[in-house]
Amino acid sequence: MLPQKEFEDSTCKVAHLCYNGTMKEAIVRARVDSKLKADAEAVFGTLGINTTEAIRMFLSQVRLRRGLPFIVGIPDNSDLLLPTQMRQDAINSLYED
């Protein structure tokens, strides 16, 4: 865990705690689809945070959990690969008396 130092300075907004006297040491850059960025920023705005704060939260959770803070997997959509008639028959069987 990083050492914490208490400051009276108002630039440290979270309970007046800063890490090593500075909070910004590295720059993170990523290219993303502009619509994805805009949609995410709208959600962040609703939450009362900005993109930078959301990225910091994400990275903090990765460090805390020692992995991604959500499950990553491929959904089982095998039924979508079935021929149309087989899918329709499966749906119809739900309504048979």
N, C-alpha and C. Protein backbone atom coordinates (compact mmCIF):
# COMPACT_ATOMS: atom_id res chain seq x y z
N MET A 1 0.85 -1.18 0.00
CA MET A 1 0.00 0.00 0.00
C MET A 1 0.89 1.23 0.00
N LEU A 2 0.47 2.25 -0.72
CA LEU A 2 1.24 3.48 -0.81
C LEU A 2 1.13 4.28 0.48
N PRO A 3 2.20 4.96 0.88
CA PRO A 3 2.12 5.78 2.09
C PRO A 3 1.18 6.95 1.89
N GLN A 4 0.43 7.29 2.91
CA GLN A 4 -0.50 8.41 2.83
C GLN A 4 0.03 9.55 3.67
N LYS A 5 -0.13 10.75 3.16
CA LYS A 5 0.31 11.93 3.89
C LYS A 5 -0.86 12.90 3.98
N GLU A 6 -1.10 13.40 5.15
CA GLU A 6 -2.23 14.31 5.35
C GLU A 6 -1.80 15.73 5.01
N PHE A 7 -2.66 16.42 4.29
CA PHE A 7 -2.39 17.79 3.88
C PHE A 7 -3.56 18.68 4.25
N GLU A 8 -3.26 19.94 4.49
CA GLU A 8 -4.31 20.93 4.72
C GLU A 8 -4.70 21.61 3.41
N ASP A 9 -3.97 21.31 2.36
CA ASP A 9 -4.19 21.92 1.05
C ASP A 9 -5.54 21.49 0.49
N SER A 10 -6.31 22.42 -0.04
CA SER A 10 -7.64 22.10 -0.56
C SER A 10 -7.58 21.39 -1.91
N THR A 11 -6.39 21.24 -2.52
CA THR A 11 -6.31 20.53 -3.79
C THR A 11 -6.50 19.04 -3.62
N CYS A 12 -6.30 18.51 -2.43
CA CYS A 12 -6.54 17.09 -2.16
C CYS A 12 -7.98 16.97 -1.66
N LYS A 13 -8.86 16.50 -2.52
CA LYS A 13 -10.28 16.54 -2.22
C LYS A 13 -10.79 15.35 -1.41
N VAL A 14 -10.12 14.23 -1.44
CA VAL A 14 -10.61 13.04 -0.77
C VAL A 14 -10.05 12.98 0.64
N ALA A 15 -10.80 13.43 1.59
CA ALA A 15 -10.43 13.41 3.02
C ALA A 15 -9.04 13.98 3.25
N HIS A 16 -8.65 14.93 2.40
CA HIS A 16 -7.35 15.58 2.51
C HIS A 16 -6.19 14.58 2.53
N LEU A 17 -6.31 13.49 1.75
CA LEU A 17 -5.23 12.52 1.66
C LEU A 17 -4.64 12.56 0.26
N CYS A 18 -3.34 12.57 0.18
CA CYS A 18 -2.64 12.51 -1.09
C CYS A 18 -1.60 11.41 -0.99
N TYR A 19 -1.24 10.83 -2.11
CA TYR A 19 -0.21 9.81 -2.15
C TYR A 19 1.10 10.45 -2.58
N ASN A 20 2.13 10.30 -1.78
CA ASN A 20 3.46 10.83 -2.09
C ASN A 20 3.44 12.32 -2.42
N GLY A 21 2.49 13.03 -1.92
CA GLY A 21 2.43 14.47 -2.14
C GLY A 21 1.84 14.87 -3.48
N THR A 22 1.75 13.96 -4.42
CA THR A 22 1.14 14.26 -5.71
C THR A 22 0.19 13.14 -6.08
N MET A 23 -0.82 13.49 -6.84
CA MET A 23 -1.77 12.46 -7.26
C MET A 23 -1.64 12.15 -8.74
N LYS A 24 -0.98 13.02 -9.50
CA LYS A 24 -0.92 12.83 -10.94
C LYS A 24 0.54 12.68 -11.37
N GLU A 25 0.93 11.45 -11.66
CA GLU A 25 2.31 11.19 -12.06
C GLU A 25 2.40 10.64 -13.48
N ALA A 26 1.36 10.01 -13.98
CA ALA A 26 1.40 9.37 -15.29
C ALA A 26 0.21 9.80 -16.13
N ILE A 27 0.39 9.71 -17.42
CA ILE A 27 -0.68 10.04 -18.37
C ILE A 27 -1.14 8.75 -19.03
N VAL A 28 -2.45 8.57 -19.11
CA VAL A 28 -3.05 7.42 -19.78
C VAL A 28 -3.77 7.94 -21.01
N ARG A 29 -3.46 7.37 -22.16
CA ARG A 29 -4.14 7.77 -23.40
C ARG A 29 -4.73 6.54 -24.05
N ALA A 30 -5.91 6.70 -24.62
CA ALA A 30 -6.56 5.59 -25.32
C ALA A 30 -7.41 6.15 -26.45
N ARG A 31 -7.41 5.47 -27.55
CA ARG A 31 -8.29 5.84 -28.67
C ARG A 31 -9.54 4.98 -28.57
N VAL A 32 -10.70 5.64 -28.55
CA VAL A 32 -11.98 4.94 -28.48
C VAL A 32 -12.94 5.58 -29.47
N ASP A 33 -13.96 4.85 -29.81
CA ASP A 33 -15.02 5.35 -30.68
C ASP A 33 -15.66 6.59 -30.04
N SER A 34 -15.89 7.62 -30.82
CA SER A 34 -16.41 8.88 -30.26
C SER A 34 -17.80 8.71 -29.65
N LYS A 35 -18.65 7.85 -30.23
CA LYS A 35 -19.97 7.62 -29.65
C LYS A 35 -19.85 6.89 -28.31
N LEU A 36 -18.97 5.91 -28.23
CA LEU A 36 -18.75 5.21 -26.98
C LEU A 36 -18.30 6.19 -25.90
N LYS A 37 -17.39 7.08 -26.25
CA LYS A 37 -16.89 8.08 -25.30
C LYS A 37 -18.03 8.99 -24.84
N ALA A 38 -18.81 9.48 -25.77
CA ALA A 38 -19.92 10.38 -25.44
C ALA A 38 -20.96 9.68 -24.56
N ASP A 39 -21.29 8.44 -24.90
CA ASP A 39 -22.26 7.68 -24.10
C ASP A 39 -21.74 7.46 -22.68
N ALA A 40 -20.46 7.09 -22.58
CA ALA A 40 -19.88 6.87 -21.25
C ALA A 40 -19.84 8.17 -20.45
N GLU A 41 -19.49 9.28 -21.11
CA GLU A 41 -19.44 10.56 -20.41
C GLU A 41 -20.82 10.98 -19.91
N ALA A 42 -21.86 10.63 -20.65
CA ALA A 42 -23.22 10.94 -20.19
C ALA A 42 -23.54 10.16 -18.91
N VAL A 43 -23.12 8.91 -18.86
CA VAL A 43 -23.32 8.10 -17.65
C VAL A 43 -22.52 8.69 -16.50
N PHE A 44 -21.25 9.04 -16.77
CA PHE A 44 -20.41 9.62 -15.73
C PHE A 44 -21.03 10.91 -15.20
N GLY A 45 -21.58 11.73 -16.10
CA GLY A 45 -22.23 12.97 -15.69
C GLY A 45 -23.38 12.72 -14.74
N THR A 46 -24.16 11.68 -15.03
CA THR A 46 -25.26 11.30 -14.15
C THR A 46 -24.75 10.89 -12.78
N LEU A 47 -23.58 10.26 -12.76
CA LEU A 47 -22.97 9.82 -11.50
C LEU A 47 -22.24 10.96 -10.78
N GLY A 48 -22.08 12.09 -11.46
CA GLY A 48 -21.40 13.23 -10.86
C GLY A 48 -19.89 13.13 -10.90
N ILE A 49 -19.36 12.36 -11.86
CA ILE A 49 -17.91 12.24 -12.03
C ILE A 49 -17.55 12.53 -13.47
N ASN A 50 -16.27 12.72 -13.73
CA ASN A 50 -15.82 12.91 -15.11
C ASN A 50 -15.04 11.67 -15.56
N THR A 51 -14.60 11.67 -16.80
CA THR A 51 -13.90 10.52 -17.37
C THR A 51 -12.61 10.22 -16.61
N THR A 52 -11.86 11.24 -16.27
CA THR A 52 -10.61 11.04 -15.53
C THR A 52 -10.87 10.36 -14.19
N GLU A 53 -11.89 10.80 -13.48
CA GLU A 53 -12.22 10.19 -12.19
C GLU A 53 -12.66 8.74 -12.37
N ALA A 54 -13.41 8.47 -13.43
CA ALA A 54 -13.87 7.10 -13.70
C ALA A 54 -12.68 6.19 -14.01
N ILE A 55 -11.73 6.69 -14.77
CA ILE A 55 -10.53 5.90 -15.09
C ILE A 55 -9.73 5.63 -13.82
N ARG A 56 -9.59 6.64 -12.97
CA ARG A 56 -8.88 6.43 -11.70
C ARG A 56 -9.57 5.37 -10.85
N MET A 57 -10.91 5.43 -10.80
CA MET A 57 -11.66 4.42 -10.05
C MET A 57 -11.42 3.03 -10.62
N PHE A 58 -11.47 2.93 -11.94
CA PHE A 58 -11.25 1.65 -12.60
C PHE A 58 -9.87 1.09 -12.26
N LEU A 59 -8.84 1.91 -12.42
CA LEU A 59 -7.48 1.45 -12.14
C LEU A 59 -7.29 1.09 -10.67
N SER A 60 -7.92 1.84 -9.79
CA SER A 60 -7.84 1.52 -8.36
C SER A 60 -8.48 0.17 -8.07
N GLN A 61 -9.61 -0.11 -8.71
CA GLN A 61 -10.28 -1.39 -8.50
C GLN A 61 -9.47 -2.54 -9.08
N VAL A 62 -8.82 -2.33 -10.22
CA VAL A 62 -7.95 -3.36 -10.80
C VAL A 62 -6.83 -3.69 -9.82
N ARG A 63 -6.22 -2.67 -9.26
CA ARG A 63 -5.15 -2.90 -8.29
C ARG A 63 -5.68 -3.61 -7.04
N LEU A 64 -6.81 -3.15 -6.53
CA LEU A 64 -7.39 -3.73 -5.32
C LEU A 64 -7.75 -5.20 -5.51
N ARG A 65 -8.39 -5.51 -6.63
CA ARG A 65 -8.87 -6.87 -6.89
C ARG A 65 -7.83 -7.76 -7.57
N ARG A 66 -6.75 -7.14 -8.01
CA ARG A 66 -5.70 -7.85 -8.76
C ARG A 66 -6.28 -8.51 -10.01
N GLY A 67 -7.16 -7.79 -10.65
CA GLY A 67 -7.81 -8.26 -11.87
C GLY A 67 -8.88 -7.27 -12.28
N LEU A 68 -9.59 -7.58 -13.33
CA LEU A 68 -10.66 -6.71 -13.77
C LEU A 68 -11.80 -6.71 -12.76
N PRO A 69 -12.43 -5.56 -12.54
CA PRO A 69 -13.51 -5.48 -11.54
C PRO A 69 -14.87 -5.95 -12.06
N PHE A 70 -14.85 -6.75 -13.10
CA PHE A 70 -16.08 -7.32 -13.65
C PHE A 70 -15.71 -8.61 -14.37
N ILE A 71 -16.71 -9.44 -14.61
CA ILE A 71 -16.48 -10.72 -15.28
C ILE A 71 -16.39 -10.48 -16.78
N VAL A 72 -15.38 -11.06 -17.39
CA VAL A 72 -15.20 -10.97 -18.83
C VAL A 72 -15.41 -12.37 -19.40
N GLY A 73 -16.29 -12.48 -20.35
CA GLY A 73 -16.54 -13.79 -20.94
C GLY A 73 -17.31 -13.65 -22.23
N ILE A 74 -17.46 -14.75 -22.89
CA ILE A 74 -18.21 -14.78 -24.13
C ILE A 74 -19.57 -15.39 -23.81
N PRO A 75 -20.65 -14.63 -24.05
CA PRO A 75 -21.98 -15.16 -23.74
C PRO A 75 -22.30 -16.37 -24.60
N ASP A 76 -23.07 -17.28 -24.04
CA ASP A 76 -23.46 -18.48 -24.77
C ASP A 76 -24.67 -18.15 -25.63
N ASN A 77 -24.40 -17.78 -26.86
CA ASN A 77 -25.46 -17.47 -27.81
C ASN A 77 -25.55 -18.57 -28.86
N SER A 78 -25.27 -19.80 -28.46
CA SER A 78 -25.22 -20.89 -29.42
C SER A 78 -26.56 -21.08 -30.12
N ASP A 79 -27.66 -20.72 -29.46
CA ASP A 79 -28.97 -20.87 -30.10
C ASP A 79 -29.12 -19.94 -31.30
N LEU A 80 -28.38 -18.85 -31.33
CA LEU A 80 -28.45 -17.93 -32.47
C LEU A 80 -27.84 -18.55 -33.72
N LEU A 81 -27.01 -19.57 -33.53
CA LEU A 81 -26.36 -20.21 -34.66
C LEU A 81 -27.22 -21.30 -35.28
N LEU A 82 -28.32 -21.63 -34.61
CA LEU A 82 -29.21 -22.66 -35.13
C LEU A 82 -29.96 -22.14 -36.35
N PRO A 83 -30.34 -23.05 -37.23
CA PRO A 83 -31.15 -22.63 -38.38
C PRO A 83 -32.45 -21.97 -37.92
N THR A 84 -32.96 -21.07 -38.72
CA THR A 84 -34.16 -20.31 -38.38
C THR A 84 -35.33 -21.21 -38.00
N GLN A 85 -35.55 -22.27 -38.75
CA GLN A 85 -36.69 -23.16 -38.48
C GLN A 85 -36.55 -23.83 -37.12
N MET A 86 -35.35 -24.21 -36.72
CA MET A 86 -35.15 -24.84 -35.42
C MET A 86 -35.43 -23.85 -34.29
N ARG A 87 -35.02 -22.59 -34.48
CA ARG A 87 -35.29 -21.57 -33.47
C ARG A 87 -36.79 -21.33 -33.36
N GLN A 88 -37.47 -21.27 -34.51
CA GLN A 88 -38.92 -21.04 -34.51
C GLN A 88 -39.65 -22.20 -33.86
N ASP A 89 -39.21 -23.43 -34.13
CA ASP A 89 -39.83 -24.61 -33.52
C ASP A 89 -39.66 -24.57 -32.00
N ALA A 90 -38.51 -24.15 -31.53
CA ALA A 90 -38.26 -24.05 -30.08
C ALA A 90 -39.19 -23.02 -29.45
N ILE A 91 -39.38 -21.89 -30.13
CA ILE A 91 -40.29 -20.85 -29.63
C ILE A 91 -41.72 -21.37 -29.63
N ASN A 92 -42.13 -22.02 -30.71
CA ASN A 92 -43.50 -22.55 -30.80
C ASN A 92 -43.77 -23.57 -29.72
N SER A 93 -42.77 -24.37 -29.36
CA SER A 93 -42.98 -25.41 -28.34
C SER A 93 -43.31 -24.79 -26.97
N LEU A 94 -42.91 -23.57 -26.76
CA LEU A 94 -43.24 -22.90 -25.49
C LEU A 94 -44.72 -22.60 -25.37
N TYR A 95 -45.38 -22.44 -26.51
CA TYR A 95 -46.80 -22.05 -26.51
C TYR A 95 -47.74 -23.23 -26.78
N GLU A 96 -47.21 -24.41 -26.97
CA GLU A 96 -48.06 -25.57 -27.21
C GLU A 96 -48.73 -26.00 -25.91
N ASP A 97 -49.98 -26.39 -26.02
CA ASP A 97 -50.72 -26.86 -24.83
C ASP A 97 -50.60 -28.34 -24.66
